[in-house]
C-alpha atoms as a PDB file:
ATOM      1  CA  MET A   1       3.228 -18.294 -16.597  1.00  0.00           C
ATOM      2  CA  LEU A   2       6.339 -17.963 -15.101  1.00  0.00           C
ATOM      3  CA  THR A   3       6.560 -17.800 -10.759  1.00  0.00           C
ATOM      4  CA  VAL A   4       9.668 -17.137  -9.018  1.00  0.00           C
ATOM      5  CA  SER A   5       9.620 -16.983  -5.091  1.00  0.00           C
ATOM      6  CA  ALA A   6      12.061 -15.568  -2.259  1.00  0.00           C
ATOM      7  CA  GLU A   7      12.051 -15.260   1.380  1.00  0.00           C
ATOM      8  CA  ASN A   8      14.240 -13.486   3.740  1.00  0.00           C
ATOM      9  CA  GLN A   9      15.642 -14.272   7.373  1.00  0.00           C
ATOM     10  CA  SER A  10      12.406 -12.393   8.916  1.00  0.00           C
ATOM     11  CA  GLY A  11      10.236 -15.106   7.360  1.00  0.00           C
ATOM     12  CA  ILE A  12       8.692 -12.732   4.806  1.00  0.00           C
ATOM     13  CA  ARG A  13       7.788 -14.160   1.511  1.00  0.00           C
ATOM     14  CA  LEU A  14       7.208 -13.159  -2.145  1.00  0.00           C
ATOM     15  CA  MET A  15       6.187 -14.754  -4.957  1.00  0.00           C
ATOM     16  CA  SER A  16       6.045 -13.053  -8.398  1.00  0.00           C
ATOM     17  CA  THR A  17       4.103 -14.420 -11.352  1.00  0.00           C
ATOM     18  CA  MET A  18       4.606 -12.936 -14.664  1.00  0.00           C
ATOM     19  CA  LEU A  19       1.232 -12.791 -16.286  1.00  0.00           C
ATOM     20  CA  ALA A  20      -0.045 -13.177 -19.958  1.00  0.00           C
ATOM     21  CA  ASP A  21      -0.335  -9.480 -20.633  1.00  0.00           C
ATOM     22  CA  GLY A  22       3.193  -8.626 -19.234  1.00  0.00           C
ATOM     23  CA  ASN A  23       2.165  -7.464 -16.063  1.00  0.00           C
ATOM     24  CA  TYR A  24       3.110  -9.043 -12.747  1.00  0.00           C
ATOM     25  CA  LYS A  25       1.223 -10.674  -9.514  1.00  0.00           C
ATOM     26  CA  LEU A  26       2.866 -10.304  -6.421  1.00  0.00           C
ATOM     27  CA  GLN A  27       1.979 -12.074  -3.581  1.00  0.00           C
ATOM     28  CA  PHE A  28       3.613 -11.086   0.013  1.00  0.00           C
ATOM     29  CA  LEU A  29       2.930 -13.309   3.208  1.00  0.00           C
ATOM     30  CA  PHE A  30       3.987 -11.626   6.431  1.00  0.00           C
ATOM     31  CA  PRO A  31       4.282 -13.963   9.127  1.00  0.00           C
ATOM     32  CA  ASN A  32       3.260 -11.434  11.893  1.00  0.00           C
ATOM     33  CA  ASP A  33       0.975  -8.256  11.603  1.00  0.00           C
ATOM     34  CA  ALA A  34       2.872  -4.897  11.859  1.00  0.00           C
ATOM     35  CA  SER A  35       2.253  -1.207  11.986  1.00  0.00           C
ATOM     36  CA  GLY A  36       2.219   0.210   8.286  1.00  0.00           C
ATOM     37  CA  ILE A  37       2.767  -2.770   6.568  1.00  0.00           C
ATOM     38  CA  LEU A  38       0.864  -1.570   3.400  1.00  0.00           C
ATOM     39  CA  TYR A  39       2.507   1.977   3.629  1.00  0.00           C
ATOM     40  CA  LYS A  40       5.937   0.485   3.670  1.00  0.00           C
ATOM     41  CA  VAL A  41       5.541  -2.212   0.900  1.00  0.00           C
ATOM     42  CA  THR A  42       3.870   0.669  -1.422  1.00  0.00           C
ATOM     43  CA  THR A  43       6.872   2.622  -0.698  1.00  0.00           C
ATOM     44  CA  VAL A  44       9.413   0.001  -1.452  1.00  0.00           C
ATOM     45  CA  LEU A  45       7.336  -0.677  -5.036  1.00  0.00           C
ATOM     46  CA  PHE A  46       7.107   3.124  -5.662  1.00  0.00           C
ATOM     47  CA  GLY A  47      10.940   3.719  -5.172  1.00  0.00           C
ATOM     48  CA  PHE A  48      11.762   0.566  -7.132  1.00  0.00           C
ATOM     49  CA  GLY A  49       9.693   1.745 -10.257  1.00  0.00           C
ATOM     50  CA  TRP A  50       6.785  -0.522  -9.821  1.00  0.00           C
ATOM     51  CA  ASP A  51       3.231   0.861 -10.584  1.00  0.00           C
ATOM     52  CA  ILE A  52       0.562  -0.582  -8.737  1.00  0.00           C
ATOM     53  CA  LEU A  53      -2.395  -1.400 -11.257  1.00  0.00           C
ATOM     54  CA  SER A  54      -4.745  -3.236  -8.676  1.00  0.00           C
ATOM     55  CA  ALA A  55      -4.234  -4.684  -5.154  1.00  0.00           C
ATOM     56  CA  TYR A  56      -5.714  -6.188  -2.051  1.00  0.00           C
ATOM     57  CA  SER A  57      -4.471  -7.061   1.633  1.00  0.00           C
ATOM     58  CA  ARG A  58      -6.182  -8.733   4.268  1.00  0.00           C
ATOM     59  CA  PRO A  59      -5.407 -11.553   7.260  1.00  0.00           C
ATOM     60  CA  ASN A  60      -5.407 -15.235   5.956  1.00  0.00           C
ATOM     61  CA  GLU A  61      -6.531 -18.040   7.663  1.00  0.00           C
ATOM     62  CA  ASP A  62      -3.462 -18.830   9.185  1.00  0.00           C
ATOM     63  CA  ALA A  63      -3.315 -15.319  10.954  1.00  0.00           C
ATOM     64  CA  GLN A  64      -0.499 -14.310   8.346  1.00  0.00           C
ATOM     65  CA  VAL A  65      -0.864 -10.914   6.484  1.00  0.00           C
ATOM     66  CA  GLU A  66      -1.278 -11.376   2.475  1.00  0.00           C
ATOM     67  CA  ASP A  67      -0.837  -8.468   0.413  1.00  0.00           C
ATOM     68  CA  ILE A  68      -1.448  -9.102  -3.510  1.00  0.00           C
ATOM     69  CA  PHE A  69      -0.632  -6.462  -6.285  1.00  0.00           C
ATOM     70  CA  ILE A  70      -0.638  -6.377  -9.953  1.00  0.00           C
ATOM     71  CA  VAL A  71       2.199  -4.580 -10.823  1.00  0.00           C
ATOM     72  CA  THR A  72       3.953  -3.315 -14.185  1.00  0.00           C
ATOM     73  CA  SER A  73       7.408  -1.579 -14.401  1.00  0.00           C
ATOM     74  CA  THR A  74       7.657   1.886 -15.048  1.00  0.00           C
ATOM     75  CA  LYS A  75      11.235   1.089 -16.492  1.00  0.00           C
ATOM     76  CA  HIS A  76      10.189  -1.819 -18.359  1.00  0.00           C
ATOM     77  CA  GLU A  77      12.018  -4.460 -16.182  1.00  0.00           C
ATOM     78  CA  ALA A  78      11.647  -8.090 -15.770  1.00  0.00           C
ATOM     79  CA  LEU A  79      10.722  -8.957 -11.724  1.00  0.00           C
ATOM     80  CA  THR A  80      13.372 -11.716 -11.538  1.00  0.00           C
ATOM     81  CA  LYS A  81      14.229 -13.483  -8.551  1.00  0.00           C
ATOM     82  CA  THR A  82      17.015 -11.093  -7.929  1.00  0.00           C
ATOM     83  CA  ALA A  83      14.563  -8.198  -8.027  1.00  0.00           C
ATOM     84  CA  CYS A  84      12.300  -9.784  -5.632  1.00  0.00           C
ATOM     85  CA  GLU A  85      15.063 -10.661  -3.328  1.00  0.00           C
ATOM     86  CA  LEU A  86      16.071  -6.963  -3.403  1.00  0.00           C
ATOM     87  CA  ILE A  87      12.293  -5.895  -2.861  1.00  0.00           C
ATOM     88  CA  LEU A  88      12.180  -8.251   0.345  1.00  0.00           C
ATOM     89  CA  THR A  89      15.443  -6.829   1.732  1.00  0.00           C
ATOM     90  CA  ALA A  90      14.032  -3.107   1.370  1.00  0.00           C
ATOM     91  CA  ILE A  91      10.706  -4.298   2.969  1.00  0.00           C
ATOM     92  CA  ARG A  92      12.619  -6.006   6.134  1.00  0.00           C
ATOM     93  CA  GLU A  93      14.461  -2.912   6.538  1.00  0.00           C
ATOM     94  CA  LEU A  94      11.242  -0.564   6.675  1.00  0.00           C
ATOM     95  CA  ILE A  95       9.579  -3.173   9.275  1.00  0.00           C
ATOM     96  CA  SER A  96      12.304  -3.709  11.433  1.00  0.00           C
ATOM     97  CA  GLY A  97      12.809   0.084  11.983  1.00  0.00           C
ATOM     98  CA  GLU A  98      16.311   0.237  10.356  1.00  0.00           C
ATOM     99  CA  THR A  99      15.096   2.489   7.513  1.00  0.00           C
ATOM    100  CA  THR A 100      12.187   4.846   7.697  1.00  0.00           C
ATOM    101  CA  PRO A 101       9.958   4.910   4.357  1.00  0.00           C
ATOM    102  CA  GLU A 102      10.925   8.769   4.250  1.00  0.00           C
ATOM    103  CA  ASP A 103      14.753   7.774   4.306  1.00  0.00           C
ATOM    104  CA  PHE A 104      14.397   4.891   1.873  1.00  0.00           C
ATOM    105  CA  ILE A 105      12.396   7.339  -0.754  1.00  0.00           C
ATOM    106  CA  ALA A 106      14.953  10.051  -0.311  1.00  0.00           C
ATOM    107  CA  ARG A 107      17.684   7.384  -1.988  1.00  0.00           C
ATOM    108  CA  TYR A 108      15.346   7.768  -5.222  1.00  0.00           C
ATOM    109  CA  PRO A 109      15.449  11.581  -5.740  1.00  0.00           C
ATOM    110  CA  GLU A 110      13.765  11.044  -9.343  1.00  0.00           C
ATOM    111  CA  LYS A 111      10.727   9.428  -7.444  1.00  0.00           C
ATOM    112  CA  VAL A 112      10.573  12.339  -5.329  1.00  0.00           C
ATOM    113  CA  GLN A 113      10.650  14.903  -7.823  1.00  0.00           C
ATOM    114  CA  GLN A 114       7.938  12.926  -9.734  1.00  0.00           C
ATOM    115  CA  ILE A 115       5.446  13.412  -6.807  1.00  0.00           C
ATOM    116  CA  ARG A 116       6.627  16.917  -6.564  1.00  0.00           C
ATOM    117  CA  ASN A 117       5.959  17.635 -10.046  1.00  0.00           C
ATOM    118  CA  ALA A 118       2.674  15.920 -10.234  1.00  0.00           C
ATOM    119  CA  ARG A 119      -0.648  17.857 -10.611  1.00  0.00           C
ATOM    120  CA  ALA A 120      -2.493  17.885  -7.586  1.00  0.00           C
ATOM    121  CA  ALA A 121      -5.915  16.802  -7.778  1.00  0.00           C
ATOM    122  CA  ARG A 122      -8.909  16.043  -5.329  1.00  0.00           C
ATOM    123  CA  SER A 123      -9.726  12.556  -4.170  1.00  0.00           C
ATOM    124  CA  ASP A 124     -13.332  12.006  -3.065  1.00  0.00           C
ATOM    125  CA  PHE A 125     -13.829   9.944  -0.207  1.00  0.00           C
ATOM    126  CA  VAL A 126     -16.629   8.181   2.032  1.00  0.00           C
ATOM    127  CA  PHE A 127     -15.807   7.595   5.675  1.00  0.00           C
ATOM    128  CA  GLU A 128     -18.277   5.596   7.461  1.00  0.00           C
ATOM    129  CA  PRO A 129     -18.751   2.881  10.369  1.00  0.00           C
ATOM    130  CA  TYR A 130     -18.641  -0.928   9.102  1.00  0.00           C
ATOM    131  CA  PRO A 131     -20.446  -2.706  11.826  1.00  0.00           C
ATOM    132  CA  LYS A 132     -19.904  -6.244   9.920  1.00  0.00           C
ATOM    133  CA  GLN A 133     -16.484  -6.087  11.134  1.00  0.00           C
ATOM    134  CA  HIS A 134     -16.695  -3.818  14.074  1.00  0.00           C
ATOM    135  CA  CYS A 135     -14.798  -1.064  12.168  1.00  0.00           C
ATOM    136  CA  SER A 136     -14.981   1.815   9.715  1.00  0.00           C
ATOM    137  CA  ARG A 137     -14.623   1.858   6.052  1.00  0.00           C
ATOM    138  CA  LEU A 138     -12.850   4.653   4.122  1.00  0.00           C
ATOM    139  CA  VAL A 139     -13.497   4.659   0.009  1.00  0.00           C
ATOM    140  CA  VAL A 140     -11.349   6.889  -1.851  1.00  0.00           C
ATOM    141  CA  GLU A 141     -11.829   7.651  -5.585  1.00  0.00           C
ATOM    142  CA  ARG A 142      -8.804   9.388  -7.041  1.00  0.00           C
ATOM    143  CA  PRO A 143      -7.002   9.968 -10.589  1.00  0.00           C
ATOM    144  CA  ASP A 144      -4.499   7.343 -11.000  1.00  0.00           C
ATOM    145  CA  ARG A 145      -0.861   8.191 -10.987  1.00  0.00           C
ATOM    146  CA  PRO A 146       2.229   6.471  -9.477  1.00  0.00           C
ATOM    147  CA  GLY A 147       2.862   7.470  -5.781  1.00  0.00           C
ATOM    148  CA  VAL A 148      -0.746   8.466  -4.487  1.00  0.00           C
ATOM    149  CA  LEU A 149      -1.484   5.161  -2.923  1.00  0.00           C
ATOM    150  CA  MET A 150       1.961   5.293  -0.856  1.00  0.00           C
ATOM    151  CA  GLN A 151       1.011   8.993  -0.045  1.00  0.00           C
ATOM    152  CA  ILE A 152      -2.709   7.778   1.137  1.00  0.00           C
ATOM    153  CA  THR A 153      -1.171   5.051   3.102  1.00  0.00           C
ATOM    154  CA  GLN A 154       1.149   7.500   4.758  1.00  0.00           C
ATOM    155  CA  VAL A 155      -1.641   9.523   5.765  1.00  0.00           C
ATOM    156  CA  LEU A 156      -3.287   6.843   7.457  1.00  0.00           C
ATOM    157  CA  TYR A 157      -0.303   5.394   9.251  1.00  0.00           C
ATOM    158  CA  THR A 158       0.672   9.050  10.295  1.00  0.00           C
ATOM    159  CA  LEU A 159      -2.799   9.627  12.061  1.00  0.00           C
ATOM    160  CA  GLY A 160      -2.342   6.045  13.721  1.00  0.00           C
ATOM    161  CA  LEU A 161      -4.827   4.103  11.646  1.00  0.00           C
ATOM    162  CA  ASP A 162      -4.270   0.471  11.375  1.00  0.00           C
ATOM    163  CA  ILE A 163      -5.690  -1.147   7.886  1.00  0.00           C
ATOM    164  CA  ILE A 164      -7.583  -3.946   8.550  1.00  0.00           C
ATOM    165  CA  SER A 165      -7.799  -5.019   5.111  1.00  0.00           C
ATOM    166  CA  PHE A 166      -7.471  -3.058   1.894  1.00  0.00           C
ATOM    167  CA  SER A 167      -8.480  -3.391  -1.830  1.00  0.00           C
ATOM    168  CA  ALA A 168      -7.907  -0.980  -5.016  1.00  0.00           C
ATOM    169  CA  GLU A 169      -9.314  -1.327  -8.542  1.00  0.00           C
ATOM    170  CA  ALA A 170      -9.634   0.634 -11.823  1.00  0.00           C
ATOM    171  CA  VAL A 171     -12.680   2.466 -12.289  1.00  0.00           C
ATOM    172  CA  VAL A 172     -14.124   4.886 -14.913  1.00  0.00           C
ATOM    173  CA  HIS A 173     -12.156   7.964 -13.880  1.00  0.00           C
ATOM    174  CA  GLY A 174      -9.362   6.597 -11.930  1.00  0.00           C
ATOM    175  CA  VAL A 175      -8.739   4.325  -9.178  1.00  0.00           C
ATOM    176  CA  ARG A 176     -11.109   3.313  -6.299  1.00  0.00           C
ATOM    177  CA  ASP A 177      -9.305   2.228  -2.987  1.00  0.00           C
ATOM    178  CA  GLU A 178     -11.424   0.722  -0.109  1.00  0.00           C
ATOM    179  CA  PHE A 179      -9.664   0.587   3.412  1.00  0.00           C
ATOM    180  CA  LEU A 180     -11.182  -1.143   6.657  1.00  0.00           C
ATOM    181  CA  ILE A 181      -9.502   0.706   9.270  1.00  0.00           C
ATOM    182  CA  ASN A 182      -9.255   0.995  13.141  1.00  0.00           C
ATOM    183  CA  HIS A 183      -7.526   2.832  15.589  1.00  0.00           C
ATOM    184  CA  ALA A 184      -3.655   1.251  15.997  1.00  0.00           C
ATOM    185  CA  ASP A 185      -4.523  -0.044  19.307  1.00  0.00           C
ATOM    186  CA  GLY A 186      -7.480  -2.101  17.955  1.00  0.00           C
ATOM    187  CA  THR A 187     -10.430   0.180  19.117  1.00  0.00           C
ATOM    188  CA  GLU A 188     -13.053   1.181  17.188  1.00  0.00           C
ATOM    189  CA  ILE A 189     -12.926   4.820  15.361  1.00  0.00           C
ATOM    190  CA  SER A 190     -15.887   6.598  16.928  1.00  0.00           C
ATOM    191  CA  GLU A 191     -18.574   8.998  15.231  1.00  0.00           C
ATOM    192  CA  LYS A 192     -16.563  11.880  16.963  1.00  0.00           C
ATOM    193  CA  ASP A 193     -13.379  10.729  15.300  1.00  0.00           C
ATOM    194  CA  ARG A 194     -14.722  10.000  12.070  1.00  0.00           C
ATOM    195  CA  ALA A 195     -16.363  13.765  11.926  1.00  0.00           C
ATOM    196  CA  PHE A 196     -12.536  14.979  13.150  1.00  0.00           C
ATOM    197  CA  LEU A 197     -10.683  12.458  10.600  1.00  0.00           C
ATOM    198  CA  SER A 198     -13.016  13.537   7.781  1.00  0.00           C
ATOM    199  CA  ASP A 199     -11.977  17.171   8.273  1.00  0.00           C
ATOM    200  CA  LEU A 200      -8.276  15.803   8.193  1.00  0.00           C
ATOM    201  CA  PHE A 201      -8.774  13.707   5.092  1.00  0.00           C
ATOM    202  CA  ASN A 202     -10.729  16.995   3.270  1.00  0.00           C
ATOM    203  CA  GLN A 203      -7.292  18.848   3.821  1.00  0.00           C
ATOM    204  CA  LYS A 204      -4.862  15.865   3.298  1.00  0.00           C
ATOM    205  CA  LEU A 205      -6.525  13.832   0.366  1.00  0.00           C
ATOM    206  CA  THR A 206      -5.272  16.180  -2.469  1.00  0.00           C
ATOM    207  CA  PHE A 207      -2.027  15.322  -4.165  1.00  0.00           C
END
Protein backbone atom coordinates (compact mmCIF):
# COMPACT_ATOMS: atom_id res chain seq x y z
CA MET A 1 0.00 0.00 0.00
CA LEU A 2 1.29 3.44 -0.97
CA THR A 3 0.80 6.30 1.51
CA VAL A 4 1.38 9.99 0.85
CA SER A 5 0.96 12.82 3.35
CA ALA A 6 0.61 16.59 3.23
CA GLU A 7 0.15 19.43 5.70
CA ASN A 8 -0.76 23.08 5.20
CA GLN A 9 0.08 26.22 7.14
CA SER A 10 -3.10 25.88 9.19
CA GLY A 11 -1.80 22.64 10.66
CA ILE A 12 -4.39 20.49 8.88
CA ARG A 13 -2.85 17.15 7.92
CA LEU A 14 -3.94 14.62 5.33
CA MET A 15 -2.66 11.10 4.77
CA SER A 16 -3.77 9.20 1.68
CA THR A 17 -3.33 5.44 1.37
CA MET A 18 -4.12 3.46 -1.76
CA LEU A 19 -5.94 0.27 -0.80
CA ALA A 20 -5.66 -3.14 -2.43
CA ASP A 21 -8.99 -2.68 -4.23
CA GLY A 22 -7.84 0.57 -5.85
CA ASN A 23 -9.84 2.84 -3.55
CA TYR A 24 -8.21 5.32 -1.17
CA LYS A 25 -8.26 5.87 2.57
CA LEU A 26 -8.09 9.56 3.48
CA GLN A 27 -7.21 10.48 7.05
CA PHE A 28 -7.66 14.15 7.98
CA LEU A 29 -6.38 15.59 11.25
CA PHE A 30 -7.59 19.03 12.30
CA PRO A 31 -5.69 20.67 15.19
CA ASN A 32 -8.89 22.33 16.44
CA ASP A 33 -12.59 21.77 16.10
CA ALA A 34 -14.41 24.25 13.90
CA SER A 35 -17.97 24.80 12.78
CA GLY A 36 -19.05 22.71 9.82
CA ILE A 37 -15.84 20.71 9.29
CA LEU A 38 -17.66 17.65 7.92
CA TYR A 39 -19.83 19.76 5.61
CA LYS A 40 -16.79 21.58 4.24
CA VAL A 41 -14.70 18.43 3.75
CA THR A 42 -17.53 16.60 1.96
CA THR A 43 -18.09 19.66 -0.24
CA VAL A 44 -14.43 19.69 -1.32
CA LEU A 45 -14.34 15.94 -1.98
CA PHE A 46 -17.54 16.13 -4.04
CA GLY A 47 -16.25 19.11 -6.02
CA PHE A 48 -12.98 17.35 -6.82
CA GLY A 49 -14.78 14.18 -7.96
CA TRP A 50 -14.18 11.85 -5.00
CA ASP A 51 -17.11 9.61 -4.15
CA ILE A 52 -17.33 8.70 -0.44
CA LEU A 53 -17.87 4.95 0.06
CA SER A 54 -17.71 4.96 3.86
CA ALA A 55 -16.50 7.32 6.55
CA TYR A 56 -16.30 8.19 10.20
CA SER A 57 -15.45 11.33 12.13
CA ARG A 58 -14.64 11.79 15.81
CA PRO A 59 -12.40 13.70 18.25
CA ASN A 60 -9.23 11.77 19.05
CA GLU A 61 -7.38 11.43 22.36
CA ASP A 62 -5.28 14.54 21.61
CA ALA A 63 -8.45 16.67 21.24
CA GLN A 64 -7.87 16.86 17.50
CA VAL A 65 -10.69 16.15 15.04
CA GLU A 66 -10.04 13.06 12.95
CA ASP A 67 -12.03 12.36 9.78
CA ILE A 68 -11.46 9.15 7.83
CA PHE A 69 -12.99 8.49 4.42
CA ILE A 70 -12.81 5.60 1.98
CA VAL A 71 -13.17 7.19 -1.43
CA THR A 72 -13.06 6.37 -5.11
CA SER A 73 -12.46 8.74 -8.00
CA THR A 74 -15.39 9.42 -10.31
CA LYS A 75 -12.75 10.53 -12.84
CA HIS A 76 -10.55 7.42 -12.40
CA GLU A 77 -7.69 9.58 -11.09
CA ALA A 78 -4.92 8.81 -8.61
CA LEU A 79 -4.76 10.55 -5.23
CA THR A 80 -1.24 11.90 -5.54
CA LYS A 81 0.59 14.23 -3.18
CA THR A 82 -0.33 17.13 -5.48
CA ALA A 83 -4.00 16.12 -5.32
CA CYS A 84 -3.80 15.96 -1.50
CA GLU A 85 -2.28 19.44 -1.37
CA LEU A 86 -5.09 20.80 -3.56
CA ILE A 87 -7.68 19.23 -1.26
CA LEU A 88 -6.00 20.73 1.81
CA THR A 89 -5.79 24.18 0.23
CA ALA A 90 -9.50 24.15 -0.58
CA ILE A 91 -10.45 22.92 2.90
CA ARG A 92 -8.34 25.66 4.51
CA GLU A 93 -10.15 28.27 2.38
CA LEU A 94 -13.53 27.01 3.55
CA ILE A 95 -12.63 26.65 7.23
CA SER A 96 -10.96 30.07 7.37
CA GLY A 97 -14.02 31.65 5.77
CA GLU A 98 -12.14 32.90 2.71
CA THR A 99 -14.59 30.92 0.58
CA THR A 100 -18.07 29.62 1.40
CA PRO A 101 -19.00 26.04 0.51
CA GLU A 102 -21.64 27.41 -1.87
CA ASP A 103 -19.08 29.57 -3.71
CA PHE A 104 -16.63 26.65 -3.85
CA ILE A 105 -19.07 24.19 -5.39
CA ALA A 106 -20.21 26.86 -7.86
CA ARG A 107 -16.73 26.58 -9.42
CA TYR A 108 -17.78 23.12 -10.63
CA PRO A 109 -21.00 23.66 -12.60
CA GLU A 110 -21.00 20.04 -13.75
CA LYS A 111 -21.28 18.92 -10.11
CA VAL A 112 -24.11 21.39 -9.45
CA GLN A 113 -25.87 20.05 -12.52
CA GLN A 114 -25.32 16.49 -11.34
CA ILE A 115 -27.26 17.27 -8.16
CA ARG A 116 -30.04 18.99 -10.12
CA ASN A 117 -30.36 16.04 -12.48
CA ALA A 118 -30.42 13.40 -9.74
CA ARG A 119 -33.72 11.76 -8.97
CA ALA A 120 -35.07 12.84 -5.60
CA ALA A 121 -35.55 10.09 -3.01
CA ARG A 122 -36.85 10.09 0.53
CA SER A 123 -34.35 9.35 3.31
CA ASP A 124 -35.63 7.44 6.34
CA PHE A 125 -34.39 8.75 9.66
CA VAL A 126 -34.50 8.24 13.41
CA PHE A 127 -33.82 11.19 15.71
CA GLU A 128 -33.60 10.34 19.40
CA PRO A 129 -31.85 11.25 22.66
CA TYR A 130 -28.48 9.61 23.30
CA PRO A 131 -27.90 9.89 27.07
CA LYS A 132 -24.59 8.00 26.96
CA GLN A 133 -22.87 11.09 25.49
CA HIS A 134 -25.41 13.76 26.53
CA CYS A 135 -26.43 14.48 22.97
CA SER A 136 -28.89 13.35 20.29
CA ARG A 137 -28.48 10.64 17.68
CA LEU A 138 -29.61 11.06 14.08
CA VAL A 139 -29.63 7.95 11.90
CA VAL A 140 -30.34 8.44 8.19
CA GLU A 141 -30.81 5.56 5.74
CA ARG A 142 -30.76 6.73 2.15
CA PRO A 143 -30.10 5.66 -1.43
CA ASP A 144 -26.46 6.16 -2.36
CA ARG A 145 -25.37 8.72 -4.91
CA PRO A 146 -22.57 11.33 -5.01
CA GLY A 147 -23.31 14.58 -3.21
CA VAL A 148 -26.00 13.39 -0.80
CA LEU A 149 -23.70 13.37 2.26
CA MET A 150 -22.67 16.93 1.43
CA GLN A 151 -26.34 17.91 1.27
CA ILE A 152 -27.22 16.27 4.60
CA THR A 153 -24.29 17.90 6.40
CA GLN A 154 -25.30 21.21 4.82
CA VAL A 155 -28.75 20.86 6.41
CA LEU A 156 -27.21 20.18 9.84
CA TYR A 157 -24.80 23.12 9.45
CA THR A 158 -27.58 25.48 8.33
CA LEU A 159 -29.73 24.47 11.31
CA GLY A 160 -26.87 25.30 13.70
CA LEU A 161 -26.22 21.72 14.78
CA ASP A 162 -22.74 20.53 15.73
CA ILE A 163 -21.63 17.05 14.69
CA ILE A 164 -19.81 15.39 17.60
CA SER A 165 -19.11 12.17 15.71
CA PHE A 166 -20.22 10.57 12.49
CA SER A 167 -20.12 7.30 10.58
CA ALA A 168 -21.34 6.12 7.18
CA GLU A 169 -21.53 2.57 5.92
CA ALA A 170 -23.09 0.66 3.06
CA VAL A 171 -26.29 -1.27 3.80
CA VAL A 172 -28.52 -3.44 1.61
CA HIS A 173 -30.59 -0.60 0.16
CA GLY A 174 -28.01 2.20 0.16
CA VAL A 175 -26.09 3.96 2.93
CA ARG A 176 -26.61 4.33 6.68
CA ASP A 177 -25.33 7.59 8.18
CA GLU A 178 -25.19 8.05 11.95
CA PHE A 179 -24.58 11.44 13.57
CA LEU A 180 -24.21 12.39 17.23
CA ILE A 181 -25.23 16.03 17.42
CA ASN A 182 -25.85 18.96 19.76
CA HIS A 183 -26.61 22.61 19.27
CA ALA A 184 -23.59 24.54 17.98
CA ASP A 185 -23.16 26.21 21.41
CA GLY A 186 -22.71 22.75 22.98
CA THR A 187 -26.11 22.55 24.66
CA GLU A 188 -28.17 19.40 24.37
CA ILE A 189 -31.15 19.23 22.03
CA SER A 190 -34.39 19.19 24.04
CA GLU A 191 -37.37 16.96 23.31
CA LYS A 192 -39.27 20.01 22.05
CA ASP A 193 -36.35 20.87 19.72
CA ARG A 194 -36.18 17.27 18.48
CA ALA A 195 -39.86 17.35 17.55
CA PHE A 196 -39.37 20.63 15.71
CA LEU A 197 -36.23 19.42 13.94
CA SER A 198 -37.88 16.12 13.00
CA ASP A 199 -40.53 18.08 11.12
CA LEU A 200 -37.77 19.99 9.31
CA PHE A 201 -35.89 16.80 8.45
CA ASN A 202 -39.11 15.37 6.99
CA GLN A 203 -39.17 18.36 4.66
CA LYS A 204 -35.47 18.60 3.90
CA LEU A 205 -34.12 15.04 3.76
CA THR A 206 -35.37 14.48 0.23
CA PHE A 207 -32.70 14.94 -2.43
